[in-house]
Amino acid sequence: MRSLLTVALLLSLLAAPAAAADTDTLFKIRRASTIAIGYSEAAKPFSFLGPDGKPAGYSIDLCREIAAGIQRELNLPKLEIKWVKLPPDARISAVVSGRVDIECGSTTRTLSREAQVDFTNLTFVDGASLLVTAVSGIQRPAQLAGKRIAVVQTTTTERVLGETLKRLSITNATIFAVKDHPEALTALEDGKIDAYASDRVILAGLRAGAKDPAKLVLLEDYLSYEPYAFVVRRNDSPFRLAVNRVLARLYRSAEVVPIYEKWFGPMPEGGLIPAVFALQSVPE
């Protein structure tokens, strides 16, 4: 009996590392020579479908660098990127379930989300604002009373919008849920809504791509602070470290500058963006 127990114990000890390895993202990537990257097709300029039908954007470029860095770290002769299109409400669940290894879009790092997933180092800082129709006469958030406002469900902006209206004691605004940014832009252009709440950089991109940008106004007011990061699975430190190692190298070497300027124009000399890159230039 004792010998049988000993054998069983040894087998369980041998099986434990294998079970752990099967849940390790780097192990899975090495085994399949494939990394699954989740992206949005409508979060320009962070993540969207380019004219060639392929994923493009600031976050996409960073994730291509991450994939190349992981390929080098694992000494793989080839690493295929499997692009997985994700709607906003599936970003977190796709990472949790293992459908994707990392989500590369415009996701805000929040403590409530950290109850389900982990986040990489920050990649961008933005804030929620409002894109309004010129005919609405809205010049600041306090003028949203009686207006029709759209927001994407399950986003941090949805919560921020509710908090803003409550703080301003606005009880008669009508909130419309939309599935994505293009749907909101269409609703603005068709006069079905007066305002759309989202992150300011995304709103600027929507306005630039509108049929008649002069008919839309991007308010100066910020409703929130939105720190962006990539989403990875919880308790997978080796993979998160591999991703952060690439990001830190890009920040330290200033290789991130041309990537940033490709999508946003000249890097500002001061402000939050350079501070984000400087503070996260972690040495090896």
Protein backbone atom coordinates (compact mmCIF):
# COMPACT_ATOMS: atom_id res chain seq x y z
CA MET A 1 0.00 0.00 0.00
CA ARG A 2 2.82 2.37 0.95
CA SER A 3 4.57 1.77 -2.39
CA LEU A 4 1.34 2.45 -4.26
CA LEU A 5 0.90 5.73 -2.37
CA THR A 6 4.49 6.67 -3.17
CA VAL A 7 3.96 6.01 -6.87
CA ALA A 8 0.71 7.99 -6.84
CA LEU A 9 2.43 10.91 -5.13
CA LEU A 10 5.29 10.89 -7.64
CA LEU A 11 2.85 10.80 -10.54
CA SER A 12 0.91 13.74 -9.11
CA LEU A 13 4.11 15.74 -8.69
CA LEU A 14 5.15 14.97 -12.24
CA ALA A 15 1.72 15.90 -13.56
CA ALA A 16 1.56 19.24 -11.74
CA PRO A 17 4.19 21.04 -13.85
CA ALA A 18 2.59 19.73 -17.03
CA ALA A 19 -0.81 21.05 -15.97
CA ALA A 20 0.71 24.40 -15.11
CA ALA A 21 2.56 24.50 -18.41
CA ASP A 22 -0.63 23.89 -20.34
CA THR A 23 -2.08 27.11 -18.92
CA ASP A 24 1.07 29.12 -19.58
CA THR A 25 0.68 31.47 -22.54
CA LEU A 26 4.32 31.34 -23.59
CA PHE A 27 4.21 27.54 -23.56
CA LYS A 28 1.10 27.59 -25.75
CA ILE A 29 2.67 30.09 -28.15
CA ARG A 30 5.86 28.04 -28.40
CA ARG A 31 3.92 24.83 -29.03
CA ALA A 32 1.70 26.30 -31.76
CA SER A 33 4.14 28.91 -33.15
CA THR A 34 1.10 31.19 -33.10
CA ILE A 35 0.01 34.15 -30.99
CA ALA A 36 -3.68 35.11 -30.92
CA ILE A 37 -4.18 38.89 -30.77
CA GLY A 38 -7.58 40.43 -30.19
CA TYR A 39 -8.33 43.74 -31.91
CA SER A 40 -11.14 46.16 -32.70
CA GLU A 41 -12.04 47.02 -36.27
CA ALA A 42 -13.51 50.40 -35.30
CA ALA A 43 -11.24 52.09 -32.73
CA LYS A 44 -9.23 54.33 -35.04
CA PRO A 45 -6.39 55.33 -34.66
CA PHE A 46 -5.62 52.58 -32.13
CA SER A 47 -7.10 49.50 -33.77
CA PHE A 48 -9.07 49.29 -37.00
CA LEU A 49 -9.20 47.65 -40.41
CA GLY A 50 -6.94 49.43 -42.89
CA PRO A 51 -7.65 49.96 -46.61
CA ASP A 52 -6.04 46.59 -47.33
CA GLY A 53 -8.46 44.84 -44.97
CA LYS A 54 -5.74 44.13 -42.40
CA PRO A 55 -5.57 45.34 -38.78
CA ALA A 56 -3.86 48.72 -38.43
CA GLY A 57 -3.31 51.41 -35.83
CA TYR A 58 -1.09 52.51 -32.96
CA SER A 59 -1.96 49.56 -30.71
CA ILE A 60 -1.62 47.15 -33.63
CA ASP A 61 1.90 48.42 -34.39
CA LEU A 62 2.88 47.99 -30.74
CA CYS A 63 1.50 44.45 -30.72
CA ARG A 64 3.42 43.58 -33.88
CA GLU A 65 6.56 44.65 -32.00
CA ILE A 66 5.47 42.52 -29.04
CA ALA A 67 4.97 39.49 -31.28
CA ALA A 68 8.43 39.98 -32.80
CA GLY A 69 9.96 40.30 -29.33
CA ILE A 70 8.29 37.11 -28.11
CA GLN A 71 9.44 35.28 -31.24
CA ARG A 72 13.03 36.27 -30.42
CA GLU A 73 12.66 35.35 -26.74
CA LEU A 74 11.33 31.89 -27.60
CA ASN A 75 13.86 31.40 -30.43
CA LEU A 76 11.10 30.54 -32.87
CA PRO A 77 12.02 30.48 -36.58
CA LYS A 78 8.50 31.74 -37.34
CA LEU A 79 5.61 33.12 -35.30
CA GLU A 80 2.22 33.47 -36.93
CA ILE A 81 -0.14 36.19 -35.70
CA LYS A 82 -3.76 35.09 -35.53
CA TRP A 83 -5.87 38.26 -35.56
CA VAL A 84 -9.19 37.90 -33.75
CA LYS A 85 -11.82 40.62 -34.22
CA LEU A 86 -13.54 41.48 -30.93
CA PRO A 87 -16.57 43.69 -30.21
CA PRO A 88 -16.19 45.99 -27.17
CA ASP A 89 -18.24 43.76 -24.88
CA ALA A 90 -16.08 40.68 -25.62
CA ARG A 91 -12.63 42.14 -24.97
CA ILE A 92 -12.27 40.89 -21.41
CA SER A 93 -14.06 37.56 -21.79
CA ALA A 94 -11.96 36.65 -24.85
CA VAL A 95 -8.79 36.96 -22.78
CA VAL A 96 -10.25 35.15 -19.76
CA SER A 97 -11.43 32.22 -21.89
CA GLY A 98 -8.12 31.93 -23.75
CA ARG A 99 -9.66 32.78 -27.10
CA VAL A 100 -6.92 35.41 -27.45
CA ASP A 101 -3.55 35.72 -25.73
CA ILE A 102 -3.60 39.50 -25.58
CA GLU A 103 -6.11 42.23 -26.45
CA CYS A 104 -4.62 45.16 -28.35
CA GLY A 105 -7.07 48.00 -28.69
CA SER A 106 -8.04 51.00 -26.61
CA THR A 107 -8.97 49.36 -23.33
CA THR A 108 -8.83 51.38 -20.12
CA ARG A 109 -7.07 49.82 -17.17
CA THR A 110 -9.43 49.79 -14.18
CA LEU A 111 -9.42 48.10 -10.79
CA SER A 112 -12.76 46.44 -11.48
CA ARG A 113 -11.36 44.86 -14.64
CA GLU A 114 -8.28 43.72 -12.73
CA ALA A 115 -10.60 41.43 -10.79
CA GLN A 116 -10.81 39.39 -14.00
CA VAL A 117 -7.62 40.05 -15.99
CA ASP A 118 -4.17 41.57 -15.76
CA PHE A 119 -2.85 44.56 -17.67
CA THR A 120 0.49 45.37 -19.24
CA ASN A 121 2.37 48.61 -18.76
CA LEU A 122 0.43 51.63 -19.97
CA THR A 123 0.50 52.35 -23.69
CA PHE A 124 -1.47 55.62 -23.84
CA VAL A 125 -3.39 58.10 -21.73
CA ASP A 126 -6.60 59.76 -22.84
CA GLY A 127 -9.88 60.98 -21.42
CA ALA A 128 -13.56 60.74 -22.27
CA SER A 129 -15.22 63.70 -23.97
CA LEU A 130 -18.18 64.49 -26.21
CA LEU A 131 -18.62 64.78 -29.97
CA VAL A 132 -21.76 66.83 -30.61
CA THR A 133 -23.71 68.09 -33.60
CA ALA A 134 -23.13 71.78 -34.31
CA VAL A 135 -26.88 72.41 -34.47
CA SER A 136 -27.34 71.06 -30.92
CA GLY A 137 -25.68 74.16 -29.48
CA ILE A 138 -23.88 72.07 -26.85
CA GLN A 139 -20.65 73.76 -25.75
CA ARG A 140 -20.05 72.07 -22.41
CA PRO A 141 -21.36 69.02 -20.49
CA ALA A 142 -23.67 71.16 -18.35
CA GLN A 143 -25.78 71.73 -21.48
CA LEU A 144 -26.71 68.06 -21.91
CA ALA A 145 -30.10 68.48 -20.25
CA GLY A 146 -32.84 67.23 -22.55
CA LYS A 147 -30.30 65.97 -25.11
CA ARG A 148 -29.93 62.56 -26.75
CA ILE A 149 -26.56 61.01 -25.93
CA ALA A 150 -25.07 57.78 -27.28
CA VAL A 151 -22.43 55.61 -25.60
CA VAL A 152 -21.05 52.12 -26.21
CA GLN A 153 -22.27 49.65 -23.60
CA THR A 154 -19.88 47.92 -21.14
CA THR A 155 -17.24 50.64 -21.56
CA THR A 156 -15.73 52.85 -18.86
CA THR A 157 -17.24 55.83 -20.69
CA GLU A 158 -20.74 54.47 -20.03
CA ARG A 159 -20.07 54.64 -16.30
CA VAL A 160 -18.35 58.03 -16.54
CA LEU A 161 -21.25 59.51 -18.51
CA GLY A 162 -23.71 58.38 -15.85
CA GLU A 163 -21.55 59.85 -13.10
CA THR A 164 -21.20 63.14 -15.01
CA LEU A 165 -24.94 63.52 -15.52
CA LYS A 166 -25.55 62.73 -11.85
CA ARG A 167 -22.92 65.26 -10.72
CA LEU A 168 -24.51 67.93 -12.93
CA SER A 169 -28.01 67.00 -11.66
CA ILE A 170 -29.14 66.25 -15.22
CA THR A 171 -32.05 63.82 -15.07
CA ASN A 172 -33.80 64.38 -18.40
CA ALA A 173 -31.07 63.39 -20.87
CA THR A 174 -31.87 60.34 -23.02
CA ILE A 175 -29.11 57.72 -23.23
CA PHE A 176 -28.86 55.51 -26.33
CA ALA A 177 -26.71 52.37 -26.30
CA VAL A 178 -24.72 51.73 -29.49
CA LYS A 179 -22.62 48.71 -30.37
CA ASP A 180 -19.60 50.60 -31.72
CA HIS A 181 -18.15 53.93 -32.90
CA PRO A 182 -19.33 53.74 -36.55
CA GLU A 183 -22.92 53.25 -35.41
CA ALA A 184 -22.62 56.35 -33.21
CA LEU A 185 -21.16 58.43 -36.05
CA THR A 186 -24.01 57.43 -38.34
CA ALA A 187 -26.53 58.38 -35.66
CA LEU A 188 -24.86 61.79 -35.27
CA GLU A 189 -24.84 62.43 -39.01
CA ASP A 190 -28.47 61.34 -39.34
CA GLY A 191 -29.55 63.61 -36.49
CA LYS A 192 -30.78 60.74 -34.33
CA ILE A 193 -28.59 61.83 -31.40
CA ASP A 194 -27.12 65.13 -30.23
CA ALA A 195 -23.90 63.86 -28.65
CA TYR A 196 -21.63 60.83 -28.48
CA ALA A 197 -19.47 60.11 -25.43
CA SER A 198 -16.18 58.27 -25.92
CA ASP A 199 -12.42 58.75 -25.57
CA ARG A 200 -11.27 62.03 -27.05
CA VAL A 201 -8.69 60.67 -29.50
CA ILE A 202 -11.26 58.28 -30.96
CA LEU A 203 -13.81 61.09 -31.23
CA ALA A 204 -11.27 63.20 -33.11
CA GLY A 205 -10.77 60.35 -35.57
CA LEU A 206 -14.52 59.96 -36.05
CA ARG A 207 -14.94 63.66 -36.75
CA ALA A 208 -12.08 63.62 -39.27
CA GLY A 209 -13.75 60.75 -41.12
CA ALA A 210 -17.26 62.22 -41.06
CA LYS A 211 -19.10 63.15 -44.25
CA ASP A 212 -19.04 66.82 -43.18
CA PRO A 213 -16.69 67.43 -40.20
CA ALA A 214 -17.89 71.04 -39.93
CA LYS A 215 -21.25 69.76 -38.71
CA LEU A 216 -19.65 68.07 -35.70
CA VAL A 217 -17.92 69.71 -32.72
CA LEU A 218 -15.47 68.04 -30.33
CA LEU A 219 -15.81 69.59 -26.89
CA GLU A 220 -12.68 70.67 -25.00
CA ASP A 221 -13.97 69.31 -21.69
CA TYR A 222 -12.67 66.00 -20.37
CA LEU A 223 -15.07 63.80 -18.44
CA SER A 224 -12.48 61.33 -17.18
CA TYR A 225 -8.89 60.08 -17.14
CA GLU A 226 -8.41 56.92 -19.23
CA PRO A 227 -5.09 55.01 -18.93
CA TYR A 228 -4.82 52.48 -21.77
CA ALA A 229 -3.04 49.14 -21.48
CA PHE A 230 -3.14 45.75 -23.18
CA VAL A 231 -5.18 42.98 -21.57
CA VAL A 232 -3.59 39.64 -20.64
CA ARG A 233 -4.68 36.71 -18.51
CA ARG A 234 -4.41 36.90 -14.74
CA ASN A 235 -1.56 35.19 -12.91
CA ASP A 236 0.53 34.64 -16.03
CA SER A 237 3.61 36.59 -14.99
CA PRO A 238 6.03 35.12 -17.57
CA PHE A 239 3.88 36.27 -20.49
CA ARG A 240 3.15 39.67 -18.97
CA LEU A 241 6.87 40.14 -18.33
CA ALA A 242 7.67 39.23 -21.94
CA VAL A 243 5.18 41.84 -23.17
CA ASN A 244 6.39 44.51 -20.74
CA ARG A 245 10.00 43.80 -21.69
CA VAL A 246 9.21 44.77 -25.29
CA LEU A 247 7.24 47.88 -24.27
CA ALA A 248 9.99 49.02 -21.88
CA ARG A 249 12.61 48.61 -24.61
CA LEU A 250 10.52 50.68 -27.04
CA TYR A 251 10.13 53.40 -24.41
CA ARG A 252 13.80 53.39 -23.31
CA SER A 253 15.18 53.50 -26.84
CA ALA A 254 12.63 56.06 -28.05
CA GLU A 255 11.62 53.59 -30.78
CA VAL A 256 8.07 54.32 -29.65
CA VAL A 257 8.34 57.91 -30.94
CA PRO A 258 7.95 57.17 -34.70
CA ILE A 259 5.15 54.72 -33.88
CA TYR A 260 3.34 57.41 -31.90
CA GLU A 261 3.95 60.14 -34.48
CA LYS A 262 2.72 57.91 -37.30
CA TRP A 263 -0.77 58.00 -35.76
CA PHE A 264 -0.95 61.16 -33.65
CA GLY A 265 1.49 63.67 -35.12
CA PRO A 266 4.54 65.21 -33.40
CA MET A 267 5.32 63.94 -29.92
CA PRO A 268 4.47 66.70 -27.40
CA GLU A 269 7.43 68.10 -25.48
CA GLY A 270 5.58 67.84 -22.20
CA GLY A 271 2.38 66.47 -20.75
CA LEU A 272 1.09 63.02 -19.89
CA ILE A 273 2.20 61.04 -22.95
CA PRO A 274 5.98 61.66 -22.62
CA ALA A 275 5.60 61.12 -18.87
CA VAL A 276 3.98 57.72 -19.44
CA PHE A 277 6.83 56.61 -21.67
CA ALA A 278 9.53 58.00 -19.33
CA LEU A 279 8.09 56.51 -16.15
CA GLN A 280 7.77 53.08 -17.75
CA SER A 281 11.22 52.95 -19.31
CA VAL A 282 12.08 50.16 -16.89
CA PRO A 283 15.70 48.94 -17.14
CA GLU A 284 16.52 45.29 -17.74
